[in-house]
């Protein structure tokens, strides 16, 4: 781990990180949903939707793809996952 520093989160977990990102990977793994569409996403994408108060597919369907892509943490690889989940319930992104 070159340039990685040992850090301790407020919960006492110790981890190495080389970026400035303050997120503890242990805490993040503990809070990852076990099911639902958010469980299929990486932590940055999941946090982006949570920060936008999007917790259900119905809420997600009120946004356009463009609006979701503008959220920090959402990448182009996330959109196909979200589309598939929306389609599985008869929903789609807003136009």
PDB file of N, CA and C in Angstrom:
ATOM      1  N   UNK A   1       0.836  -1.187   0.000  1.00  0.00           N
ATOM      2  CA  UNK A   1       0.000   0.000   0.000  1.00  0.00           C
ATOM      3  C   UNK A   1       0.872   1.238   0.000  1.00  0.00           C
ATOM      4  N   UNK A   2       1.247   1.660  -1.149  1.00  0.00           N
ATOM      5  CA  UNK A   2       2.087   2.841  -1.229  1.00  0.00           C
ATOM      6  C   UNK A   2       1.290   4.092  -0.923  1.00  0.00           C
ATOM      7  N   UNK A   3       1.850   4.980  -0.143  1.00  0.00           N
ATOM      8  CA  UNK A   3       1.234   6.244   0.248  1.00  0.00           C
ATOM      9  C   UNK A   3      -0.059   6.098   1.049  1.00  0.00           C
ATOM     10  N   UNK A   4      -0.380   4.897   1.493  1.00  0.00           N
ATOM     11  CA  UNK A   4      -1.582   4.698   2.294  1.00  0.00           C
ATOM     12  C   UNK A   4      -1.263   5.018   3.747  1.00  0.00           C
ATOM     13  N   UNK A   5      -2.199   5.679   4.376  1.00  0.00           N
ATOM     14  CA  UNK A   5      -2.006   6.003   5.787  1.00  0.00           C
ATOM     15  C   UNK A   5      -2.990   5.204   6.629  1.00  0.00           C
ATOM     16  N   UNK A   6      -2.576   4.868   7.812  1.00  0.00           N
ATOM     17  CA  UNK A   6      -3.442   4.164   8.745  1.00  0.00           C
ATOM     18  C   UNK A   6      -4.384   5.186   9.370  1.00  0.00           C
ATOM     19  N   UNK A   7      -5.663   4.888   9.308  1.00  0.00           N
ATOM     20  CA  UNK A   7      -6.672   5.792   9.864  1.00  0.00           C
ATOM     21  C   UNK A   7      -7.561   5.029  10.830  1.00  0.00           C
ATOM     22  N   UNK A   8      -8.209   5.776  11.686  1.00  0.00           N
ATOM     23  CA  UNK A   8      -9.168   5.205  12.621  1.00  0.00           C
ATOM     24  C   UNK A   8     -10.449   6.022  12.519  1.00  0.00           C
ATOM     25  N   UNK A   9     -11.564   5.337  12.294  1.00  0.00           N
ATOM     26  CA  UNK A   9     -12.844   6.038  12.181  1.00  0.00           C
ATOM     27  C   UNK A   9     -13.409   6.304  13.577  1.00  0.00           C
ATOM     28  N   UNK A  10     -14.456   7.102  13.678  1.00  0.00           N
ATOM     29  CA  UNK A  10     -15.063   7.388  14.980  1.00  0.00           C
ATOM     30  C   UNK A  10     -15.550   6.139  15.731  1.00  0.00           C
ATOM     31  N   UNK A  11     -15.835   5.066  14.993  1.00  0.00           N
ATOM     32  CA  UNK A  11     -16.272   3.824  15.642  1.00  0.00           C
ATOM     33  C   UNK A  11     -15.093   2.966  16.107  1.00  0.00           C
ATOM     34  N   UNK A  12     -13.869   3.400  15.773  1.00  0.00           N
ATOM     35  CA  UNK A  12     -12.687   2.668  16.207  1.00  0.00           C
ATOM     36  C   UNK A  12     -12.110   1.694  15.200  1.00  0.00           C
ATOM     37  N   UNK A  13     -12.695   1.607  14.006  1.00  0.00           N
ATOM     38  CA  UNK A  13     -12.154   0.728  12.966  1.00  0.00           C
ATOM     39  C   UNK A  13     -10.859   1.319  12.433  1.00  0.00           C
ATOM     40  N   UNK A  14      -9.872   0.473  12.247  1.00  0.00           N
ATOM     41  CA  UNK A  14      -8.622   0.928  11.647  1.00  0.00           C
ATOM     42  C   UNK A  14      -8.550   0.411  10.219  1.00  0.00           C
ATOM     43  N   UNK A  15      -8.097   1.284   9.310  1.00  0.00           N
ATOM     44  CA  UNK A  15      -8.014   0.937   7.902  1.00  0.00           C
ATOM     45  C   UNK A  15      -6.940   1.792   7.245  1.00  0.00           C
ATOM     46  N   UNK A  16      -6.429   1.325   6.106  1.00  0.00           N
ATOM     47  CA  UNK A  16      -5.439   2.081   5.334  1.00  0.00           C
ATOM     48  C   UNK A  16      -6.141   2.735   4.149  1.00  0.00           C
ATOM     49  N   UNK A  17      -5.774   3.971   3.878  1.00  0.00           N
ATOM     50  CA  UNK A  17      -6.361   4.683   2.754  1.00  0.00           C
ATOM     51  C   UNK A  17      -5.323   5.612   2.139  1.00  0.00           C
ATOM     52  N   UNK A  18      -5.269   5.650   0.821  1.00  0.00           N
ATOM     53  CA  UNK A  18      -4.311   6.523   0.139  1.00  0.00           C
ATOM     54  C   UNK A  18      -4.967   7.787  -0.410  1.00  0.00           C
ATOM     55  N   UNK A  19      -6.298   7.821  -0.420  1.00  0.00           N
ATOM     56  CA  UNK A  19      -6.992   9.018  -0.929  1.00  0.00           C
ATOM     57  C   UNK A  19      -7.417   9.915   0.234  1.00  0.00           C
ATOM     58  N   UNK A  20      -7.964  11.056  -0.115  1.00  0.00           N
ATOM     59  CA  UNK A  20      -8.465  11.982   0.903  1.00  0.00           C
ATOM     60  C   UNK A  20      -9.870  11.618   1.380  1.00  0.00           C
ATOM     61  N   UNK A  21     -10.468  10.622   0.780  1.00  0.00           N
ATOM     62  CA  UNK A  21     -11.828  10.223   1.130  1.00  0.00           C
ATOM     63  C   UNK A  21     -11.883   9.791   2.598  1.00  0.00           C
ATOM     64  N   UNK A  22     -12.771  10.398   3.383  1.00  0.00           N
ATOM     65  CA  UNK A  22     -12.829  10.083   4.808  1.00  0.00           C
ATOM     66  C   UNK A  22     -13.677   8.857   5.155  1.00  0.00           C
ATOM     67  N   UNK A  23     -14.262   8.210   4.165  1.00  0.00           N
ATOM     68  CA  UNK A  23     -15.184   7.112   4.428  1.00  0.00           C
ATOM     69  C   UNK A  23     -14.450   5.856   4.890  1.00  0.00           C
ATOM     70  N   UNK A  24     -14.892   5.326   6.006  1.00  0.00           N
ATOM     71  CA  UNK A  24     -14.339   4.081   6.540  1.00  0.00           C
ATOM     72  C   UNK A  24     -14.935   2.917   5.756  1.00  0.00           C
ATOM     73  N   UNK A  25     -14.115   2.080   5.124  1.00  0.00           N
ATOM     74  CA  UNK A  25     -14.651   0.973   4.335  1.00  0.00           C
ATOM     75  C   UNK A  25     -15.369  -0.072   5.195  1.00  0.00           C
ATOM     76  N   UNK A  26     -14.992  -0.207   6.432  1.00  0.00           N
ATOM     77  CA  UNK A  26     -15.636  -1.179   7.322  1.00  0.00           C
ATOM     78  C   UNK A  26     -17.049  -0.692   7.680  1.00  0.00           C
ATOM     79  N   UNK A  27     -17.157   0.580   8.040  1.00  0.00           N
ATOM     80  CA  UNK A  27     -18.477   1.161   8.333  1.00  0.00           C
ATOM     81  C   UNK A  27     -19.369   1.092   7.098  1.00  0.00           C
ATOM     82  N   UNK A  28     -18.791   1.390   5.946  1.00  0.00           N
ATOM     83  CA  UNK A  28     -19.555   1.388   4.700  1.00  0.00           C
ATOM     84  C   UNK A  28     -20.088  -0.005   4.390  1.00  0.00           C
ATOM     85  N   UNK A  29     -19.270  -1.028   4.604  1.00  0.00           N
ATOM     86  CA  UNK A  29     -19.712  -2.411   4.366  1.00  0.00           C
ATOM     87  C   UNK A  29     -20.822  -2.796   5.340  1.00  0.00           C
ATOM     88  N   UNK A  30     -20.734  -2.318   6.579  1.00  0.00           N
ATOM     89  CA  UNK A  30     -21.753  -2.627   7.584  1.00  0.00           C
ATOM     90  C   UNK A  30     -23.099  -1.994   7.262  1.00  0.00           C
ATOM     91  N   UNK A  31     -23.091  -0.840   6.614  1.00  0.00           N
ATOM     92  CA  UNK A  31     -24.349  -0.148   6.347  1.00  0.00           C
ATOM     93  C   UNK A  31     -24.925  -0.449   4.958  1.00  0.00           C
ATOM     94  N   UNK A  32     -24.221  -1.280   4.177  1.00  0.00           N
ATOM     95  CA  UNK A  32     -24.722  -1.632   2.852  1.00  0.00           C
ATOM     96  C   UNK A  32     -26.002  -2.458   2.994  1.00  0.00           C
ATOM     97  N   UNK A  33     -27.062  -2.067   2.260  1.00  0.00           N
ATOM     98  CA  UNK A  33     -28.313  -2.832   2.330  1.00  0.00           C
ATOM     99  C   UNK A  33     -28.111  -4.271   1.867  1.00  0.00           C
ATOM    100  N   UNK A  34     -28.858  -5.170   2.456  1.00  0.00           N
ATOM    101  CA  UNK A  34     -28.764  -6.597   2.103  1.00  0.00           C
ATOM    102  C   UNK A  34     -29.615  -6.934   0.879  1.00  0.00           C
ATOM    103  N   UNK A  35     -30.635  -6.106   0.615  1.00  0.00           N
ATOM    104  CA  UNK A  35     -31.494  -6.353  -0.544  1.00  0.00           C
ATOM    105  C   UNK A  35     -31.991  -5.023  -1.099  1.00  0.00           C
ATOM    106  N   UNK A  36     -32.755  -5.115  -2.167  1.00  0.00           N
ATOM    107  CA  UNK A  36     -33.239  -3.905  -2.828  1.00  0.00           C
ATOM    108  C   UNK A  36     -32.225  -3.386  -3.836  1.00  0.00           C
ATOM    109  N   UNK A  37     -32.653  -2.429  -4.627  1.00  0.00           N
ATOM    110  CA  UNK A  37     -31.800  -1.950  -5.716  1.00  0.00           C
ATOM    111  C   UNK A  37     -30.544  -1.259  -5.219  1.00  0.00           C
ATOM    112  N   UNK A  38     -30.592  -0.632  -4.044  1.00  0.00           N
ATOM    113  CA  UNK A  38     -29.395   0.032  -3.512  1.00  0.00           C
ATOM    114  C   UNK A  38     -28.295  -0.975  -3.167  1.00  0.00           C
ATOM    115  N   UNK A  39     -28.676  -2.216  -2.880  1.00  0.00           N
ATOM    116  CA  UNK A  39     -27.680  -3.241  -2.547  1.00  0.00           C
ATOM    117  C   UNK A  39     -26.842  -3.645  -3.758  1.00  0.00           C
ATOM    118  N   UNK A  40     -27.297  -3.312  -4.960  1.00  0.00           N
ATOM    119  CA  UNK A  40     -26.601  -3.674  -6.190  1.00  0.00           C
ATOM    120  C   UNK A  40     -25.556  -2.642  -6.604  1.00  0.00           C
ATOM    121  N   UNK A  41     -25.550  -1.510  -5.913  1.00  0.00           N
ATOM    122  CA  UNK A  41     -24.686  -0.395  -6.301  1.00  0.00           C
ATOM    123  C   UNK A  41     -23.443  -0.313  -5.440  1.00  0.00           C
ATOM    124  N   UNK A  42     -22.407   0.276  -6.007  1.00  0.00           N
ATOM    125  CA  UNK A  42     -21.207   0.572  -5.245  1.00  0.00           C
ATOM    126  C   UNK A  42     -21.497   1.673  -4.237  1.00  0.00           C
ATOM    127  N   UNK A  43     -20.647   1.782  -3.253  1.00  0.00           N
ATOM    128  CA  UNK A  43     -20.856   2.750  -2.175  1.00  0.00           C
ATOM    129  C   UNK A  43     -21.010   4.193  -2.672  1.00  0.00           C
ATOM    130  N   UNK A  44     -20.174   4.682  -3.609  1.00  0.00           N
ATOM    131  CA  UNK A  44     -20.337   6.074  -4.043  1.00  0.00           C
ATOM    132  C   UNK A  44     -21.708   6.341  -4.681  1.00  0.00           C
ATOM    133  N   UNK A  45     -22.161   5.411  -5.517  1.00  0.00           N
ATOM    134  CA  UNK A  45     -23.460   5.578  -6.173  1.00  0.00           C
ATOM    135  C   UNK A  45     -24.592   5.492  -5.151  1.00  0.00           C
ATOM    136  N   UNK A  46     -24.479   4.548  -4.241  1.00  0.00           N
ATOM    137  CA  UNK A  46     -25.504   4.399  -3.204  1.00  0.00           C
ATOM    138  C   UNK A  46     -25.598   5.655  -2.342  1.00  0.00           C
ATOM    139  N   UNK A  47     -24.452   6.187  -1.921  1.00  0.00           N
ATOM    140  CA  UNK A  47     -24.445   7.412  -1.113  1.00  0.00           C
ATOM    141  C   UNK A  47     -25.015   8.590  -1.895  1.00  0.00           C
ATOM    142  N   UNK A  48     -24.725   8.658  -3.200  1.00  0.00           N
ATOM    143  CA  UNK A  48     -25.244   9.747  -4.025  1.00  0.00           C
ATOM    144  C   UNK A  48     -26.772   9.739  -4.031  1.00  0.00           C
ATOM    145  N   UNK A  49     -27.351   8.560  -4.193  1.00  0.00           N
ATOM    146  CA  UNK A  49     -28.812   8.464  -4.200  1.00  0.00           C
ATOM    147  C   UNK A  49     -29.382   8.738  -2.806  1.00  0.00           C
ATOM    148  N   UNK A  50     -28.739   8.209  -1.790  1.00  0.00           N
ATOM    149  CA  UNK A  50     -29.198   8.462  -0.421  1.00  0.00           C
ATOM    150  C   UNK A  50     -29.155   9.949  -0.092  1.00  0.00           C
ATOM    151  N   UNK A  51     -28.090  10.622  -0.504  1.00  0.00           N
ATOM    152  CA  UNK A  51     -27.963  12.062  -0.250  1.00  0.00           C
ATOM    153  C   UNK A  51     -29.016  12.873  -0.994  1.00  0.00           C
ATOM    154  N   UNK A  52     -29.523  12.318  -2.092  1.00  0.00           N
ATOM    155  CA  UNK A  52     -30.589  12.978  -2.852  1.00  0.00           C
ATOM    156  C   UNK A  52     -31.971  12.518  -2.370  1.00  0.00           C
ATOM    157  N   UNK A  53     -31.987  11.767  -1.266  1.00  0.00           N
ATOM    158  CA  UNK A  53     -33.237  11.238  -0.687  1.00  0.00           C
ATOM    159  C   UNK A  53     -33.989  10.328  -1.652  1.00  0.00           C
ATOM    160  N   UNK A  54     -33.231   9.510  -2.381  1.00  0.00           N
ATOM    161  CA  UNK A  54     -33.828   8.530  -3.295  1.00  0.00           C
ATOM    162  C   UNK A  54     -33.582   7.153  -2.685  1.00  0.00           C
ATOM    163  N   UNK A  55     -34.656   6.571  -2.161  1.00  0.00           N
ATOM    164  CA  UNK A  55     -34.526   5.281  -1.478  1.00  0.00           C
ATOM    165  C   UNK A  55     -35.369   4.191  -2.125  1.00  0.00           C
ATOM    166  N   UNK A  56     -36.252   4.576  -3.051  1.00  0.00           N
ATOM    167  CA  UNK A  56     -37.115   3.598  -3.710  1.00  0.00           C
ATOM    168  C   UNK A  56     -37.044   3.783  -5.217  1.00  0.00           C
ATOM    169  N   UNK A  57     -37.451   2.754  -5.929  1.00  0.00           N
ATOM    170  CA  UNK A  57     -37.487   2.848  -7.393  1.00  0.00           C
ATOM    171  C   UNK A  57     -38.543   3.857  -7.841  1.00  0.00           C
ATOM    172  N   UNK A  58     -39.618   3.981  -7.092  1.00  0.00           N
ATOM    173  CA  UNK A  58     -40.646   4.964  -7.418  1.00  0.00           C
ATOM    174  C   UNK A  58     -40.067   6.381  -7.341  1.00  0.00           C
ATOM    175  N   UNK A  59     -39.265   6.640  -6.320  1.00  0.00           N
ATOM    176  CA  UNK A  59     -38.618   7.947  -6.199  1.00  0.00           C
ATOM    177  C   UNK A  59     -37.627   8.151  -7.335  1.00  0.00           C
ATOM    178  N   UNK A  60     -36.864   7.114  -7.663  1.00  0.00           N
ATOM    179  CA  UNK A  60     -35.884   7.187  -8.741  1.00  0.00           C
ATOM    180  C   UNK A  60     -36.552   7.502 -10.070  1.00  0.00           C
ATOM    181  N   UNK A  61     -37.729   6.941 -10.300  1.00  0.00           N
ATOM    182  CA  UNK A  61     -38.413   7.116 -11.588  1.00  0.00           C
ATOM    183  C   UNK A  61     -38.871   8.557 -11.822  1.00  0.00           C
ATOM    184  N   UNK A  62     -38.823   9.393 -10.818  1.00  0.00           N
ATOM    185  CA  UNK A  62     -39.206  10.801 -10.967  1.00  0.00           C
ATOM    186  C   UNK A  62     -38.075  11.644 -11.554  1.00  0.00           C
ATOM    187  N   UNK A  63     -36.893  11.035 -11.714  1.00  0.00           N
ATOM    188  CA  UNK A  63     -35.716  11.742 -12.222  1.00  0.00           C
ATOM    189  C   UNK A  63     -35.363  11.243 -13.616  1.00  0.00           C
ATOM    190  N   UNK A  64     -34.732  12.108 -14.395  1.00  0.00           N
ATOM    191  CA  UNK A  64     -34.223  11.700 -15.708  1.00  0.00           C
ATOM    192  C   UNK A  64     -32.826  11.100 -15.520  1.00  0.00           C
ATOM    193  N   UNK A  65     -32.381  10.374 -16.536  1.00  0.00           N
ATOM    194  CA  UNK A  65     -31.019   9.822 -16.506  1.00  0.00           C
ATOM    195  C   UNK A  65     -30.002  10.942 -16.328  1.00  0.00           C
ATOM    196  N   UNK A  66     -30.220  12.037 -17.041  1.00  0.00           N
ATOM    197  CA  UNK A  66     -29.304  13.182 -16.977  1.00  0.00           C
ATOM    198  C   UNK A  66     -29.190  13.716 -15.558  1.00  0.00           C
ATOM    199  N   UNK A  67     -30.335  13.836 -14.878  1.00  0.00           N
ATOM    200  CA  UNK A  67     -30.328  14.345 -13.501  1.00  0.00           C
ATOM    201  C   UNK A  67     -29.566  13.411 -12.565  1.00  0.00           C
ATOM    202  N   UNK A  68     -29.752  12.120 -12.754  1.00  0.00           N
ATOM    203  CA  UNK A  68     -29.065  11.139 -11.898  1.00  0.00           C
ATOM    204  C   UNK A  68     -27.571  11.148 -12.182  1.00  0.00           C
ATOM    205  N   UNK A  69     -27.196  11.264 -13.452  1.00  0.00           N
ATOM    206  CA  UNK A  69     -25.768  11.301 -13.802  1.00  0.00           C
ATOM    207  C   UNK A  69     -25.050  12.525 -13.231  1.00  0.00           C
ATOM    208  N   UNK A  70     -25.789  13.575 -12.949  1.00  0.00           N
ATOM    209  CA  UNK A  70     -25.183  14.775 -12.385  1.00  0.00           C
ATOM    210  C   UNK A  70     -24.825  14.618 -10.907  1.00  0.00           C
ATOM    211  N   UNK A  71     -25.382  13.598 -10.255  1.00  0.00           N
ATOM    212  CA  UNK A  71     -25.092  13.394  -8.836  1.00  0.00           C
ATOM    213  C   UNK A  71     -23.661  12.909  -8.659  1.00  0.00           C
ATOM    214  N   UNK A  72     -22.952  13.499  -7.730  1.00  0.00           N
ATOM    215  CA  UNK A  72     -21.573  13.097  -7.452  1.00  0.00           C
ATOM    216  C   UNK A  72     -21.573  11.669  -6.915  1.00  0.00           C
ATOM    217  N   UNK A  73     -20.859  10.799  -7.607  1.00  0.00           N
ATOM    218  CA  UNK A  73     -20.784   9.398  -7.200  1.00  0.00           C
ATOM    219  C   UNK A  73     -21.476   8.464  -8.178  1.00  0.00           C
ATOM    220  N   UNK A  74     -22.264   9.033  -9.087  1.00  0.00           N
ATOM    221  CA  UNK A  74     -22.950   8.221 -10.097  1.00  0.00           C
ATOM    222  C   UNK A  74     -22.109   8.225 -11.363  1.00  0.00           C
ATOM    223  N   UNK A  75     -21.817   7.039 -11.850  1.00  0.00           N
ATOM    224  CA  UNK A  75     -21.060   6.911 -13.088  1.00  0.00           C
ATOM    225  C   UNK A  75     -21.909   6.268 -14.168  1.00  0.00           C
ATOM    226  N   UNK A  76     -21.383   6.244 -15.360  1.00  0.00           N
ATOM    227  CA  UNK A  76     -22.125   5.679 -16.496  1.00  0.00           C
ATOM    228  C   UNK A  76     -22.431   4.197 -16.322  1.00  0.00           C
ATOM    229  N   UNK A  77     -21.625   3.490 -15.553  1.00  0.00           N
ATOM    230  CA  UNK A  77     -21.887   2.062 -15.347  1.00  0.00           C
ATOM    231  C   UNK A  77     -23.058   1.828 -14.394  1.00  0.00           C
ATOM    232  N   UNK A  78     -23.423   2.835 -13.634  1.00  0.00           N
ATOM    233  CA  UNK A  78     -24.537   2.705 -12.700  1.00  0.00           C
ATOM    234  C   UNK A  78     -25.880   2.759 -13.423  1.00  0.00           C
ATOM    235  N   UNK A  79     -25.963   3.533 -14.480  1.00  0.00           N
ATOM    236  CA  UNK A  79     -27.232   3.745 -15.180  1.00  0.00           C
ATOM    237  C   UNK A  79     -27.851   2.438 -15.696  1.00  0.00           C
ATOM    238  N   UNK A  80     -27.099   1.539 -16.353  1.00  0.00           N
ATOM    239  CA  UNK A  80     -27.724   0.283 -16.802  1.00  0.00           C
ATOM    240  C   UNK A  80     -28.292  -0.547 -15.646  1.00  0.00           C
ATOM    241  N   UNK A  81     -27.634  -0.535 -14.517  1.00  0.00           N
ATOM    242  CA  UNK A  81     -28.135  -1.265 -13.343  1.00  0.00           C
ATOM    243  C   UNK A  81     -29.463  -0.657 -12.895  1.00  0.00           C
ATOM    244  N   UNK A  82     -29.497   0.673 -12.820  1.00  0.00           N
ATOM    245  CA  UNK A  82     -30.718   1.345 -12.396  1.00  0.00           C
ATOM    246  C   UNK A  82     -31.856   1.130 -13.398  1.00  0.00           C
ATOM    247  N   UNK A  83     -31.536   1.204 -14.704  1.00  0.00           N
ATOM    248  CA  UNK A  83     -32.553   0.988 -15.740  1.00  0.00           C
ATOM    249  C   UNK A  83     -33.168  -0.402 -15.614  1.00  0.00           C
ATOM    250  N   UNK A  84     -32.308  -1.392 -15.430  1.00  0.00           N
ATOM    251  CA  UNK A  84     -32.779  -2.782 -15.324  1.00  0.00           C
ATOM    252  C   UNK A  84     -33.696  -2.947 -14.117  1.00  0.00           C
ATOM    253  N   UNK A  85     -33.322  -2.330 -13.009  1.00  0.00           N
ATOM    254  CA  UNK A  85     -34.150  -2.417 -11.810  1.00  0.00           C
ATOM    255  C   UNK A  85     -35.485  -1.700 -12.005  1.00  0.00           C
ATOM    256  N   UNK A  86     -35.462  -0.542 -12.622  1.00  0.00           N
ATOM    257  CA  UNK A  86     -36.706   0.177 -12.909  1.00  0.00           C
ATOM    258  C   UNK A  86     -37.607  -0.660 -13.819  1.00  0.00           C
ATOM    259  N   UNK A  87     -37.030  -1.195 -14.900  1.00  0.00           N
ATOM    260  CA  UNK A  87     -37.800  -1.982 -15.865  1.00  0.00           C
ATOM    261  C   UNK A  87     -38.404  -3.229 -15.225  1.00  0.00           C
ATOM    262  N   UNK A  88     -37.707  -3.808 -14.263  1.00  0.00           N
ATOM    263  CA  UNK A  88     -38.191  -5.030 -13.615  1.00  0.00           C
ATOM    264  C   UNK A  88     -39.484  -4.791 -12.829  1.00  0.00           C
ATOM    265  N   UNK A  89     -39.762  -3.524 -12.540  1.00  0.00           N
ATOM    266  CA  UNK A  89     -40.988  -3.193 -11.816  1.00  0.00           C
ATOM    267  C   UNK A  89     -41.946  -2.362 -12.672  1.00  0.00           C
ATOM    268  N   UNK A  90     -41.667  -2.302 -13.983  1.00  0.00           N
ATOM    269  CA  UNK A  90     -42.543  -1.576 -14.893  1.00  0.00           C
ATOM    270  C   UNK A  90     -42.351  -0.064 -14.866  1.00  0.00           C
ATOM    271  N   UNK A  91     -41.225   0.380 -14.331  1.00  0.00           N
ATOM    272  CA  UNK A  91     -40.944   1.817 -14.256  1.00  0.00           C
ATOM    273  C   UNK A  91     -39.828   2.181 -15.221  1.00  0.00           C
ATOM    274  N   UNK A  92     -39.610   3.469 -15.400  1.00  0.00           N
ATOM    275  CA  UNK A  92     -38.488   3.950 -16.209  1.00  0.00           C
ATOM    276  C   UNK A  92     -38.104   5.341 -15.722  1.00  0.00           C
ATOM    277  N   UNK A  93     -36.963   5.809 -16.198  1.00  0.00           N
ATOM    278  CA  UNK A  93     -36.527   7.161 -15.863  1.00  0.00           C
ATOM    279  C   UNK A  93     -37.519   8.157 -16.457  1.00  0.00           C
ATOM    280  N   UNK A  94     -37.682   9.287 -15.808  1.00  0.00           N
ATOM    281  CA  UNK A  94     -38.531  10.359 -16.300  1.00  0.00           C
ATOM    282  C   UNK A  94     -37.883  10.965 -17.547  1.00  0.00           C
ATOM    283  N   UNK A  95     -38.695  11.379 -18.476  1.00  0.00           N
ATOM    284  CA  UNK A  95     -38.158  11.962 -19.718  1.00  0.00           C
ATOM    285  C   UNK A  95     -37.884  13.430 -19.582  1.00  0.00           C
TER     286      UNK A  95
END
